[in-house]
Amino acid sequence: MRIEDPWYDALASGREAPPARLPESRNGQSPVNPAATAATAVPADSTAPVDPAAQDAVYLTVQRSAAFQQVRRRYRRFALPATAAFLVWYLAYVTAATCAPGLMARPVAGVLNVAMAAGLAQFATTFLLTWAYARHARLRRDRLALELRWETQDMARTAAHGEPVA
C-alpha cells in the first residue's frame, strides 16, 4: 500500500519522479500504460542548475510575505502559551513533590495518592496538548501553509527559468 504525500513534489525538488505504479494484470505482468509513464516523466530542463541567488530571493520574498507572517503568528499564538502553561504545570508538580511531601502523600482514593494522581494527570495533559496542537494546526495553519508552499514552488520554478521573482 502506498500513501500519497501531498508535500512531495518531484519536479519542485529536482529529484526524479517516483515510478508510476501500474495495476498488475491477471497473469502477474504489469501492463504497459504509455499515458501513465508519460505523465510521470521528468522534463529534461528540470535538472538544469538553479541559481542559488534566485532561490534565496524566492525564500526571502516568501519570508517577508503577509501569508508567511500569518502562519508564523498563528503558530506562535498557540505554541508559546501552551508551552508556558505546560512548563508551569510540570514545574509545579516537581516542586510540590520536593517541597510538600506530606501533601503529595495524602490519599485520594484507596492506594491512589495526590502524587500518583498528579503524575497520571501529567500524561493525560501531554496527550491532550498533543491533540490540541494537531487540531490547531489542521484547522488554522495547514491550509495556509500548503497554499504558501505551492506558491513558493511556483516562484522557485519561475526563478529557475531565469524570470524575475515577483
N, C-alpha and C. Protein backbone atom coordinates (compact mmCIF):
# COMPACT_ATOMS: atom_id res chain seq x y z
N MET A 1 0.85 -1.18 0.00
CA MET A 1 0.00 0.00 0.00
C MET A 1 0.89 1.24 0.00
N ARG A 2 0.60 2.19 -0.82
CA ARG A 2 1.39 3.40 -0.94
C ARG A 2 0.54 4.59 -0.52
N ILE A 3 1.09 5.42 0.34
CA ILE A 3 0.37 6.60 0.79
C ILE A 3 0.85 7.79 -0.03
N GLU A 4 -0.07 8.53 -0.58
CA GLU A 4 0.28 9.71 -1.35
C GLU A 4 0.66 10.85 -0.41
N ASP A 5 1.80 11.44 -0.62
CA ASP A 5 2.28 12.52 0.23
C ASP A 5 2.02 13.85 -0.47
N PRO A 6 1.11 14.70 0.06
CA PRO A 6 0.81 15.97 -0.62
C PRO A 6 1.99 16.94 -0.58
N TRP A 7 2.97 16.70 0.28
CA TRP A 7 4.12 17.60 0.37
C TRP A 7 5.21 17.21 -0.61
N TYR A 8 5.12 16.04 -1.24
CA TYR A 8 6.15 15.59 -2.15
C TYR A 8 5.86 16.09 -3.56
N ASP A 9 6.79 16.78 -4.11
CA ASP A 9 6.67 17.26 -5.48
C ASP A 9 8.01 17.05 -6.16
N ALA A 10 8.11 16.00 -6.96
CA ALA A 10 9.39 15.63 -7.55
C ALA A 10 9.95 16.73 -8.45
N LEU A 11 9.08 17.39 -9.18
CA LEU A 11 9.57 18.41 -10.09
C LEU A 11 10.13 19.61 -9.34
N ALA A 12 9.52 19.97 -8.23
CA ALA A 12 9.98 21.12 -7.47
C ALA A 12 11.27 20.82 -6.72
N SER A 13 11.45 19.56 -6.29
CA SER A 13 12.63 19.23 -5.51
C SER A 13 13.83 18.94 -6.39
N GLY A 14 13.61 18.76 -7.68
CA GLY A 14 14.72 18.47 -8.58
C GLY A 14 15.06 16.99 -8.61
N ARG A 15 14.35 16.19 -7.83
CA ARG A 15 14.60 14.76 -7.82
C ARG A 15 13.77 14.09 -8.90
N GLU A 16 14.15 12.88 -9.20
CA GLU A 16 13.39 12.13 -10.18
C GLU A 16 12.02 11.79 -9.64
N ALA A 17 11.03 11.78 -10.48
CA ALA A 17 9.68 11.41 -10.06
C ALA A 17 9.65 9.92 -9.75
N PRO A 18 8.87 9.50 -8.78
CA PRO A 18 8.76 8.08 -8.48
C PRO A 18 8.10 7.37 -9.65
N PRO A 19 8.47 6.11 -9.87
CA PRO A 19 7.86 5.40 -11.00
C PRO A 19 6.37 5.20 -10.77
N ALA A 20 5.63 5.23 -11.86
CA ALA A 20 4.18 5.03 -11.76
C ALA A 20 3.91 3.59 -11.39
N ARG A 21 2.98 3.39 -10.47
CA ARG A 21 2.61 2.03 -10.09
C ARG A 21 1.40 1.64 -10.91
N LEU A 22 1.60 0.68 -11.76
CA LEU A 22 0.52 0.22 -12.61
C LEU A 22 -0.10 -1.03 -12.02
N PRO A 23 -1.40 -1.20 -12.18
CA PRO A 23 -2.02 -2.42 -11.66
C PRO A 23 -1.53 -3.63 -12.44
N GLU A 24 -1.36 -4.74 -11.74
CA GLU A 24 -0.91 -5.95 -12.41
C GLU A 24 -2.09 -6.62 -13.11
N SER A 25 -1.76 -7.23 -14.24
CA SER A 25 -2.81 -7.96 -14.95
C SER A 25 -3.01 -9.31 -14.28
N ARG A 26 -3.92 -10.09 -14.81
CA ARG A 26 -4.24 -11.38 -14.18
C ARG A 26 -3.08 -12.36 -14.26
N ASN A 27 -2.22 -12.24 -15.28
CA ASN A 27 -1.11 -13.18 -15.41
C ASN A 27 0.12 -12.74 -14.62
N GLY A 28 0.01 -11.67 -13.82
CA GLY A 28 1.10 -11.25 -12.95
C GLY A 28 2.05 -10.25 -13.57
N GLN A 29 1.85 -9.92 -14.85
CA GLN A 29 2.72 -8.96 -15.50
C GLN A 29 2.06 -7.59 -15.49
N SER A 30 2.89 -6.55 -15.41
CA SER A 30 2.36 -5.19 -15.44
C SER A 30 2.06 -4.78 -16.86
N PRO A 31 0.86 -4.30 -17.13
CA PRO A 31 0.54 -3.83 -18.47
C PRO A 31 1.28 -2.52 -18.75
N VAL A 32 1.60 -2.27 -19.98
CA VAL A 32 2.27 -1.04 -20.35
C VAL A 32 1.21 0.02 -20.58
N ASN A 33 1.37 1.13 -19.88
CA ASN A 33 0.42 2.23 -19.99
C ASN A 33 1.22 3.48 -20.36
N PRO A 34 1.33 3.81 -21.65
CA PRO A 34 2.15 4.95 -22.05
C PRO A 34 1.68 6.27 -21.46
N ALA A 35 0.38 6.43 -21.23
CA ALA A 35 -0.12 7.69 -20.67
C ALA A 35 0.39 7.88 -19.25
N ALA A 36 0.41 6.80 -18.46
CA ALA A 36 0.87 6.91 -17.08
C ALA A 36 2.36 7.17 -17.02
N THR A 37 3.14 6.52 -17.90
CA THR A 37 4.58 6.74 -17.88
C THR A 37 4.92 8.13 -18.38
N ALA A 38 4.20 8.63 -19.35
CA ALA A 38 4.46 9.98 -19.85
C ALA A 38 4.10 11.03 -18.81
N ALA A 39 3.06 10.77 -18.03
CA ALA A 39 2.63 11.75 -17.02
C ALA A 39 3.63 11.87 -15.89
N THR A 40 4.39 10.80 -15.61
CA THR A 40 5.34 10.86 -14.50
C THR A 40 6.77 11.14 -14.95
N ALA A 41 6.96 11.30 -16.23
CA ALA A 41 8.31 11.57 -16.72
C ALA A 41 8.75 12.97 -16.31
N VAL A 42 10.02 13.11 -15.96
CA VAL A 42 10.57 14.39 -15.54
C VAL A 42 11.10 15.09 -16.77
N PRO A 43 10.70 16.34 -17.02
CA PRO A 43 11.21 17.06 -18.18
C PRO A 43 12.72 17.23 -18.07
N ALA A 44 13.37 17.29 -19.22
CA ALA A 44 14.83 17.38 -19.26
C ALA A 44 15.34 18.65 -18.59
N ASP A 45 14.61 19.76 -18.69
CA ASP A 45 15.11 21.02 -18.14
C ASP A 45 14.97 21.11 -16.62
N SER A 46 14.31 20.13 -15.97
CA SER A 46 14.14 20.20 -14.52
C SER A 46 15.44 19.89 -13.79
N THR A 47 16.41 19.30 -14.49
CA THR A 47 17.69 19.00 -13.86
C THR A 47 18.72 20.10 -14.13
N ALA A 48 18.30 21.17 -14.78
CA ALA A 48 19.21 22.27 -15.06
C ALA A 48 19.67 22.91 -13.75
N PRO A 49 20.91 23.41 -13.70
CA PRO A 49 21.39 24.02 -12.46
C PRO A 49 20.56 25.26 -12.11
N VAL A 50 20.30 25.40 -10.83
CA VAL A 50 19.48 26.51 -10.34
C VAL A 50 20.40 27.54 -9.71
N ASP A 51 20.14 28.80 -10.00
CA ASP A 51 20.93 29.89 -9.45
C ASP A 51 20.61 30.03 -7.96
N PRO A 52 21.60 29.86 -7.06
CA PRO A 52 21.33 29.98 -5.63
C PRO A 52 20.81 31.37 -5.23
N ALA A 53 21.27 32.41 -5.90
CA ALA A 53 20.80 33.76 -5.59
C ALA A 53 19.31 33.89 -5.92
N ALA A 54 18.87 33.26 -6.99
CA ALA A 54 17.45 33.30 -7.36
C ALA A 54 16.62 32.56 -6.32
N GLN A 55 17.12 31.41 -5.85
CA GLN A 55 16.39 30.67 -4.81
C GLN A 55 16.35 31.47 -3.52
N ASP A 56 17.46 32.12 -3.16
CA ASP A 56 17.48 32.95 -1.96
C ASP A 56 16.44 34.07 -2.06
N ALA A 57 16.34 34.67 -3.24
CA ALA A 57 15.37 35.75 -3.45
C ALA A 57 13.94 35.24 -3.27
N VAL A 58 13.70 34.02 -3.76
CA VAL A 58 12.36 33.43 -3.62
C VAL A 58 12.02 33.26 -2.14
N TYR A 59 12.92 32.67 -1.39
CA TYR A 59 12.62 32.39 0.01
C TYR A 59 12.59 33.65 0.86
N LEU A 60 13.39 34.64 0.51
CA LEU A 60 13.30 35.92 1.23
C LEU A 60 11.97 36.60 0.94
N THR A 61 11.52 36.53 -0.30
CA THR A 61 10.22 37.10 -0.67
C THR A 61 9.10 36.42 0.10
N VAL A 62 9.16 35.09 0.18
CA VAL A 62 8.14 34.35 0.91
C VAL A 62 8.19 34.69 2.39
N GLN A 63 9.39 34.76 2.95
CA GLN A 63 9.52 35.06 4.37
C GLN A 63 8.94 36.42 4.72
N ARG A 64 9.04 37.36 3.83
CA ARG A 64 8.53 38.71 4.07
C ARG A 64 7.05 38.85 3.73
N SER A 65 6.46 37.83 3.14
CA SER A 65 5.06 37.93 2.71
C SER A 65 4.11 37.92 3.90
N ALA A 66 2.95 38.49 3.69
CA ALA A 66 1.93 38.55 4.74
C ALA A 66 1.40 37.15 5.08
N ALA A 67 1.31 36.28 4.09
CA ALA A 67 0.80 34.92 4.33
C ALA A 67 1.74 34.14 5.25
N PHE A 68 3.05 34.25 5.01
CA PHE A 68 4.02 33.56 5.87
C PHE A 68 3.97 34.11 7.28
N GLN A 69 3.89 35.42 7.40
CA GLN A 69 3.83 36.04 8.72
C GLN A 69 2.57 35.60 9.47
N GLN A 70 1.48 35.42 8.73
CA GLN A 70 0.24 34.97 9.36
C GLN A 70 0.37 33.54 9.87
N VAL A 71 1.01 32.66 9.09
CA VAL A 71 1.22 31.28 9.54
C VAL A 71 2.09 31.27 10.79
N ARG A 72 3.17 32.04 10.78
CA ARG A 72 4.06 32.10 11.95
C ARG A 72 3.33 32.67 13.17
N ARG A 73 2.55 33.72 12.96
CA ARG A 73 1.82 34.34 14.06
C ARG A 73 0.81 33.36 14.67
N ARG A 74 0.11 32.62 13.84
CA ARG A 74 -0.85 31.62 14.34
C ARG A 74 -0.14 30.52 15.11
N TYR A 75 1.02 30.12 14.62
CA TYR A 75 1.80 29.10 15.33
C TYR A 75 2.23 29.62 16.70
N ARG A 76 2.80 30.81 16.73
CA ARG A 76 3.28 31.38 17.99
C ARG A 76 2.14 31.61 18.98
N ARG A 77 0.98 32.04 18.49
CA ARG A 77 -0.16 32.29 19.38
C ARG A 77 -0.61 31.04 20.11
N PHE A 78 -0.39 29.89 19.50
CA PHE A 78 -0.75 28.65 20.18
C PHE A 78 0.43 28.07 20.95
N ALA A 79 1.57 27.96 20.29
CA ALA A 79 2.70 27.22 20.86
C ALA A 79 3.29 27.88 22.10
N LEU A 80 3.46 29.17 22.11
CA LEU A 80 4.09 29.82 23.26
C LEU A 80 3.24 29.73 24.53
N PRO A 81 1.95 30.09 24.50
CA PRO A 81 1.16 29.94 25.72
C PRO A 81 1.01 28.47 26.16
N ALA A 82 0.85 27.57 25.21
CA ALA A 82 0.70 26.15 25.56
C ALA A 82 1.97 25.62 26.20
N THR A 83 3.11 25.99 25.64
CA THR A 83 4.39 25.56 26.22
C THR A 83 4.58 26.14 27.61
N ALA A 84 4.29 27.41 27.78
CA ALA A 84 4.44 28.06 29.09
C ALA A 84 3.51 27.41 30.12
N ALA A 85 2.25 27.16 29.75
CA ALA A 85 1.30 26.56 30.67
C ALA A 85 1.75 25.15 31.08
N PHE A 86 2.20 24.37 30.10
CA PHE A 86 2.63 23.01 30.43
C PHE A 86 3.88 23.02 31.29
N LEU A 87 4.80 23.92 31.01
CA LEU A 87 6.03 24.02 31.80
C LEU A 87 5.71 24.42 33.24
N VAL A 88 4.81 25.38 33.42
CA VAL A 88 4.41 25.78 34.78
C VAL A 88 3.75 24.60 35.50
N TRP A 89 2.88 23.87 34.81
CA TRP A 89 2.21 22.71 35.39
C TRP A 89 3.22 21.64 35.79
N TYR A 90 4.20 21.38 34.93
CA TYR A 90 5.23 20.37 35.23
C TYR A 90 6.10 20.80 36.41
N LEU A 91 6.55 22.05 36.39
CA LEU A 91 7.39 22.55 37.49
C LEU A 91 6.63 22.60 38.82
N ALA A 92 5.33 22.90 38.77
CA ALA A 92 4.52 22.87 39.99
C ALA A 92 4.46 21.44 40.56
N TYR A 93 4.33 20.47 39.69
CA TYR A 93 4.32 19.07 40.12
C TYR A 93 5.65 18.68 40.77
N VAL A 94 6.75 19.01 40.11
CA VAL A 94 8.08 18.67 40.64
C VAL A 94 8.33 19.42 41.95
N THR A 95 7.97 20.69 42.00
CA THR A 95 8.17 21.49 43.21
C THR A 95 7.34 20.94 44.37
N ALA A 96 6.09 20.60 44.10
CA ALA A 96 5.24 20.05 45.14
C ALA A 96 5.77 18.70 45.63
N ALA A 97 6.29 17.90 44.71
CA ALA A 97 6.83 16.60 45.10
C ALA A 97 8.05 16.75 45.99
N THR A 98 8.84 17.81 45.77
CA THR A 98 10.05 18.01 46.57
C THR A 98 9.78 18.79 47.86
N CYS A 99 8.97 19.81 47.76
CA CYS A 99 8.77 20.72 48.90
C CYS A 99 7.59 20.34 49.80
N ALA A 100 6.64 19.61 49.29
CA ALA A 100 5.45 19.27 50.09
C ALA A 100 5.17 17.78 50.03
N PRO A 101 6.06 16.96 50.58
CA PRO A 101 5.84 15.50 50.52
C PRO A 101 4.59 15.07 51.29
N GLY A 102 4.24 15.80 52.32
CA GLY A 102 3.03 15.47 53.08
C GLY A 102 1.78 15.63 52.24
N LEU A 103 1.73 16.71 51.48
CA LEU A 103 0.58 16.95 50.59
C LEU A 103 0.52 15.89 49.52
N MET A 104 1.65 15.56 48.93
CA MET A 104 1.68 14.59 47.83
C MET A 104 1.34 13.17 48.31
N ALA A 105 1.59 12.90 49.61
CA ALA A 105 1.31 11.56 50.15
C ALA A 105 -0.14 11.40 50.60
N ARG A 106 -0.89 12.47 50.58
CA ARG A 106 -2.29 12.41 51.03
C ARG A 106 -3.10 11.49 50.11
N PRO A 107 -3.82 10.53 50.69
CA PRO A 107 -4.60 9.60 49.86
C PRO A 107 -5.81 10.27 49.19
N VAL A 108 -6.07 9.87 47.96
CA VAL A 108 -7.22 10.39 47.20
C VAL A 108 -8.32 9.34 47.19
N ALA A 109 -7.97 8.13 46.78
CA ALA A 109 -8.93 7.02 46.74
C ALA A 109 -8.15 5.72 46.87
N GLY A 110 -8.34 5.04 47.95
CA GLY A 110 -7.63 3.77 48.15
C GLY A 110 -6.13 4.00 48.25
N VAL A 111 -5.39 3.31 47.40
CA VAL A 111 -3.93 3.48 47.41
C VAL A 111 -3.47 4.64 46.53
N LEU A 112 -4.37 5.25 45.82
CA LEU A 112 -4.04 6.38 44.93
C LEU A 112 -3.88 7.65 45.77
N ASN A 113 -2.68 8.22 45.72
CA ASN A 113 -2.45 9.46 46.46
C ASN A 113 -2.35 10.64 45.50
N VAL A 114 -2.16 11.84 46.04
CA VAL A 114 -2.12 13.07 45.24
C VAL A 114 -0.98 13.02 44.23
N ALA A 115 0.19 12.51 44.62
CA ALA A 115 1.35 12.43 43.73
C ALA A 115 1.07 11.54 42.54
N MET A 116 0.46 10.39 42.80
CA MET A 116 0.16 9.48 41.69
C MET A 116 -0.91 10.08 40.77
N ALA A 117 -1.90 10.72 41.34
CA ALA A 117 -2.95 11.34 40.52
C ALA A 117 -2.36 12.47 39.68
N ALA A 118 -1.50 13.28 40.28
CA ALA A 118 -0.88 14.38 39.52
C ALA A 118 0.06 13.83 38.45
N GLY A 119 0.78 12.76 38.76
CA GLY A 119 1.66 12.13 37.76
C GLY A 119 0.87 11.60 36.58
N LEU A 120 -0.25 10.94 36.85
CA LEU A 120 -1.11 10.46 35.77
C LEU A 120 -1.72 11.62 35.00
N ALA A 121 -2.03 12.70 35.70
CA ALA A 121 -2.57 13.89 35.04
C ALA A 121 -1.51 14.51 34.10
N GLN A 122 -0.23 14.35 34.43
CA GLN A 122 0.83 14.81 33.53
C GLN A 122 0.74 14.09 32.18
N PHE A 123 0.55 12.78 32.23
CA PHE A 123 0.41 12.02 30.99
C PHE A 123 -0.84 12.45 30.22
N ALA A 124 -1.93 12.58 30.94
CA ALA A 124 -3.18 13.00 30.29
C ALA A 124 -3.02 14.38 29.66
N THR A 125 -2.35 15.29 30.37
CA THR A 125 -2.13 16.63 29.84
C THR A 125 -1.28 16.60 28.58
N THR A 126 -0.27 15.73 28.57
CA THR A 126 0.59 15.60 27.39
C THR A 126 -0.22 15.16 26.18
N PHE A 127 -1.05 14.15 26.35
CA PHE A 127 -1.88 13.69 25.23
C PHE A 127 -2.90 14.74 24.81
N LEU A 128 -3.48 15.41 25.76
CA LEU A 128 -4.45 16.47 25.46
C LEU A 128 -3.79 17.61 24.69
N LEU A 129 -2.61 17.99 25.11
CA LEU A 129 -1.89 19.07 24.44
C LEU A 129 -1.48 18.66 23.02
N THR A 130 -1.07 17.41 22.85
CA THR A 130 -0.73 16.92 21.52
C THR A 130 -1.94 16.95 20.60
N TRP A 131 -3.08 16.51 21.10
CA TRP A 131 -4.31 16.54 20.32
C TRP A 131 -4.69 17.98 19.96
N ALA A 132 -4.59 18.89 20.95
CA ALA A 132 -4.95 20.29 20.71
C ALA A 132 -4.02 20.93 19.68
N TYR A 133 -2.73 20.58 19.75
CA TYR A 133 -1.78 21.13 18.78
C TYR A 133 -2.10 20.64 17.37
N ALA A 134 -2.34 19.35 17.23
CA ALA A 134 -2.66 18.79 15.91
C ALA A 134 -3.96 19.39 15.36
N ARG A 135 -4.94 19.56 16.21
CA ARG A 135 -6.21 20.16 15.78
C ARG A 135 -6.02 21.60 15.37
N HIS A 136 -5.26 22.35 16.15
CA HIS A 136 -4.99 23.75 15.83
C HIS A 136 -4.26 23.86 14.50
N ALA A 137 -3.26 23.01 14.30
CA ALA A 137 -2.52 23.04 13.05
C ALA A 137 -3.43 22.71 11.87
N ARG A 138 -4.26 21.69 12.03
CA ARG A 138 -5.15 21.28 10.94
C ARG A 138 -6.16 22.36 10.59
N LEU A 139 -6.72 23.01 11.61
CA LEU A 139 -7.78 23.99 11.37
C LEU A 139 -7.28 25.39 11.04
N ARG A 140 -6.14 25.78 11.58
CA ARG A 140 -5.71 27.17 11.47
C ARG A 140 -4.47 27.42 10.64
N ARG A 141 -3.62 26.37 10.41
CA ARG A 141 -2.36 26.64 9.73
C ARG A 141 -2.10 25.79 8.49
N ASP A 142 -2.53 24.55 8.48
CA ASP A 142 -2.15 23.64 7.40
C ASP A 142 -2.55 24.13 6.02
N ARG A 143 -3.77 24.61 5.87
CA ARG A 143 -4.24 25.04 4.55
C ARG A 143 -3.42 26.24 4.06
N LEU A 144 -3.20 27.20 4.96
CA LEU A 144 -2.39 28.37 4.59
C LEU A 144 -0.97 27.97 4.24
N ALA A 145 -0.39 27.07 5.04
CA ALA A 145 0.98 26.63 4.80
C ALA A 145 1.09 25.88 3.48
N LEU A 146 0.10 25.07 3.16
CA LEU A 146 0.14 24.33 1.90
C LEU A 146 0.01 25.27 0.71
N GLU A 147 -0.89 26.25 0.81
CA GLU A 147 -1.02 27.24 -0.27
C GLU A 147 0.28 28.02 -0.43
N LEU A 148 0.89 28.37 0.67
CA LEU A 148 2.17 29.09 0.63
C LEU A 148 3.27 28.22 0.02
N ARG A 149 3.23 26.93 0.32
CA ARG A 149 4.22 26.02 -0.25
C ARG A 149 4.09 25.96 -1.76
N TRP A 150 2.86 25.83 -2.26
CA TRP A 150 2.67 25.75 -3.71
C TRP A 150 3.11 27.06 -4.37
N GLU A 151 2.79 28.17 -3.72
CA GLU A 151 3.21 29.47 -4.24
C GLU A 151 4.73 29.56 -4.31
N THR A 152 5.39 29.07 -3.26
CA THR A 152 6.85 29.08 -3.20
C THR A 152 7.43 28.22 -4.31
N GLN A 153 6.85 27.04 -4.52
CA GLN A 153 7.36 26.16 -5.56
C GLN A 153 7.18 26.78 -6.95
N ASP A 154 6.06 27.45 -7.16
CA ASP A 154 5.86 28.13 -8.45
C ASP A 154 6.89 29.23 -8.64
N MET A 155 7.15 29.98 -7.58
CA MET A 155 8.15 31.05 -7.66
C MET A 155 9.53 30.47 -7.90
N ALA A 156 9.85 29.33 -7.28
CA ALA A 156 11.16 28.69 -7.46
C ALA A 156 11.31 28.19 -8.89
N ARG A 157 10.22 27.62 -9.44
CA ARG A 157 10.29 27.17 -10.84
C ARG A 157 10.51 28.36 -11.78
N THR A 158 9.80 29.45 -11.51
CA THR A 158 9.95 30.65 -12.33
C THR A 158 11.37 31.18 -12.24
N ALA A 159 11.93 31.22 -11.02
CA ALA A 159 13.30 31.71 -10.83
C ALA A 159 14.31 30.78 -11.49
N ALA A 160 14.02 29.49 -11.54
CA ALA A 160 14.93 28.54 -12.17
C ALA A 160 15.02 28.76 -13.67
N HIS A 161 13.97 29.33 -14.25
CA HIS A 161 13.98 29.60 -15.69
C HIS A 161 14.48 30.99 -16.02
N GLY A 162 15.01 31.69 -15.01
CA GLY A 162 15.62 32.99 -15.25
C GLY A 162 14.69 34.17 -15.20
N GLU A 163 13.42 33.93 -14.87
CA GLU A 163 12.48 35.05 -14.79
C GLU A 163 12.59 35.71 -13.42
N PRO A 164 12.37 37.00 -13.30
CA PRO A 164 12.49 37.68 -12.01
C PRO A 164 11.40 37.24 -11.04
N VAL A 165 11.74 37.26 -9.75
CA VAL A 165 10.80 36.89 -8.70
C VAL A 165 9.91 38.09 -8.42
N ALA A 166 8.58 37.86 -8.34
CA ALA A 166 7.63 38.95 -8.12
C ALA A 166 7.71 39.49 -6.73
